Amino acid sequence: MQGRKSYQEKLFTSFQLSDRIPEENLYRQILKLIDFQFLYRKTAKYYGKEGQASIDPVVFFKLMLVGYLENLSSDRKIIQSASMRMDVLFFLGYDIDEPLPWHSTLSRTRKLYGDDVFLSLFQEVFKTMYS
């Protein structure tokens, strides 16, 4: 008898991304190598003390790193790809049902830092990765 797979979405589920991402996954390995906390100190002067909360600078730089490593040429493609990849969601610290930032937020944040700051911080992340 020929089997047929049918799909019925569950209303509730118990699911942890960390259980689904293998130890040898690139993004899990990067998380072990780099402590991204230094980005908070380096970017603090670009933010006010009041107002609406911005994108987390660590999330922003992780998304930029994903774009570079996956050869994604636009912010829209970075967000689109990240939303479909469990390993990237895990890397970013997002849960499977948690919405990612809008693609326009990435370009606005890049402009906030300016080219020199963005490139120097991005290079610092890479230097840490390859040292």
Protein backbone atom coordinates (compact mmCIF):
# COMPACT_ATOMS: atom_id res chain seq x y z
CA MET A 1 0.00 0.00 0.00
CA GLN A 2 1.30 3.42 -0.92
CA GLY A 3 1.69 5.71 2.06
CA ARG A 4 0.66 9.35 2.02
CA LYS A 5 1.99 11.94 4.40
CA SER A 6 -0.59 14.43 5.55
CA TYR A 7 0.21 17.60 7.45
CA GLN A 8 -1.84 18.80 10.38
CA GLU A 9 -0.49 21.87 12.15
CA LYS A 10 -0.35 21.55 15.91
CA LEU A 11 -2.08 24.15 17.99
CA PHE A 12 0.49 23.80 20.78
CA THR A 13 3.97 22.36 20.57
CA SER A 14 7.01 21.90 22.73
CA PHE A 15 10.01 22.85 20.63
CA GLN A 16 13.50 24.10 21.42
CA LEU A 17 15.78 25.35 18.68
CA SER A 18 18.86 24.37 20.67
CA ASP A 19 17.77 20.72 20.45
CA ARG A 20 17.57 20.91 16.65
CA ILE A 21 20.91 22.58 15.87
CA PRO A 22 23.87 20.17 15.71
CA GLU A 23 27.03 20.94 17.66
CA GLU A 24 29.09 21.22 14.45
CA ASN A 25 26.77 23.85 12.90
CA LEU A 26 28.68 26.95 11.78
CA TYR A 27 26.49 29.40 13.67
CA ARG A 28 26.61 27.36 16.88
CA GLN A 29 30.41 27.31 16.55
CA ILE A 30 30.54 31.10 16.08
CA LEU A 31 28.46 31.54 19.24
CA LYS A 32 31.07 29.52 21.12
CA LEU A 33 33.96 31.54 19.66
CA ILE A 34 32.75 35.13 19.96
CA ASP A 35 31.43 37.06 22.91
CA PHE A 36 29.40 39.74 21.14
CA GLN A 37 28.87 41.73 24.35
CA PHE A 38 31.61 44.21 23.39
CA LEU A 39 29.24 45.60 20.75
CA TYR A 40 27.04 47.15 23.47
CA ARG A 41 29.96 49.27 24.73
CA LYS A 42 31.08 50.24 21.24
CA THR A 43 27.63 51.34 20.07
CA ALA A 44 26.23 52.90 23.28
CA LYS A 45 27.03 56.47 22.21
CA TYR A 46 24.69 56.17 19.21
CA TYR A 47 21.59 55.68 21.36
CA GLY A 48 19.58 57.95 23.62
CA LYS A 49 18.41 57.16 27.13
CA GLU A 50 14.72 57.56 26.33
CA GLY A 51 12.34 56.67 23.53
CA GLN A 52 11.41 53.51 21.72
CA ALA A 53 13.87 50.64 21.99
CA SER A 54 15.97 50.04 18.90
CA ILE A 55 17.17 46.84 17.33
CA ASP A 56 19.67 45.11 19.59
CA PRO A 57 23.14 45.99 18.23
CA VAL A 58 24.26 42.38 18.70
CA VAL A 59 21.31 41.16 16.62
CA PHE A 60 22.13 43.76 13.97
CA PHE A 61 25.76 42.67 13.65
CA LYS A 62 24.83 39.01 13.72
CA LEU A 63 22.41 39.62 10.85
CA MET A 64 25.14 41.44 8.94
CA LEU A 65 27.45 38.49 9.55
CA VAL A 66 24.79 36.09 8.27
CA GLY A 67 24.43 38.24 5.16
CA TYR A 68 28.16 38.12 4.56
CA LEU A 69 28.56 34.39 5.22
CA GLU A 70 25.51 33.45 3.15
CA ASN A 71 26.40 35.90 0.34
CA LEU A 72 23.08 37.73 0.62
CA SER A 73 23.10 41.02 -1.23
CA SER A 74 20.20 42.89 0.35
CA ASP A 75 18.72 43.49 3.79
CA ARG A 76 15.42 42.10 2.56
CA LYS A 77 17.12 38.81 1.55
CA ILE A 78 18.95 38.63 4.89
CA ILE A 79 15.69 38.87 6.85
CA GLN A 80 13.89 36.52 4.48
CA SER A 81 16.63 33.90 4.74
CA ALA A 82 16.97 34.26 8.51
CA SER A 83 13.25 33.79 9.04
CA MET A 84 13.38 30.37 7.32
CA ARG A 85 16.54 29.00 8.96
CA MET A 86 16.44 27.44 12.41
CA ASP A 87 20.22 27.66 12.85
CA VAL A 88 20.20 31.38 12.09
CA LEU A 89 17.28 32.02 14.44
CA PHE A 90 19.20 30.18 17.16
CA PHE A 91 22.32 32.25 16.38
CA LEU A 92 20.33 35.48 16.63
CA GLY A 93 18.66 34.46 19.89
CA TYR A 94 15.17 34.43 18.37
CA ASP A 95 12.54 31.79 18.89
CA ILE A 96 10.81 30.10 15.98
CA ASP A 97 7.63 32.19 16.35
CA GLU A 98 9.31 35.49 17.23
CA PRO A 99 9.20 38.16 14.51
CA LEU A 100 12.52 39.43 13.17
CA PRO A 101 13.26 43.14 12.67
CA TRP A 102 12.03 44.75 9.46
CA HIS A 103 14.59 44.85 6.65
CA SER A 104 14.45 48.66 6.64
CA THR A 105 15.64 48.66 10.25
CA LEU A 106 18.94 47.16 9.10
CA SER A 107 19.67 49.94 6.62
CA ARG A 108 18.64 52.65 9.11
CA THR A 109 20.90 51.13 11.77
CA ARG A 110 23.81 50.91 9.32
CA LYS A 111 23.33 54.61 8.54
CA LEU A 112 23.17 55.42 12.26
CA TYR A 113 26.63 53.97 12.82
CA GLY A 114 28.12 55.39 9.64
CA ASP A 115 30.42 53.53 7.26
CA ASP A 116 33.63 53.90 9.28
CA VAL A 117 32.16 52.65 12.56
CA PHE A 118 30.19 49.88 10.87
CA LEU A 119 33.27 48.60 9.00
CA SER A 120 35.57 48.81 12.02
CA LEU A 121 33.13 46.90 14.24
CA PHE A 122 32.47 44.35 11.51
CA GLN A 123 36.23 43.85 11.10
CA GLU A 124 36.59 43.44 14.85
CA VAL A 125 34.02 40.63 14.78
CA PHE A 126 35.92 38.95 11.95
CA LYS A 127 39.25 39.38 13.69
CA THR A 128 37.84 37.66 16.76
CA MET A 129 36.44 34.86 14.59
CA TYR A 130 39.71 34.13 12.85
CA SER A 131 42.12 34.56 15.76
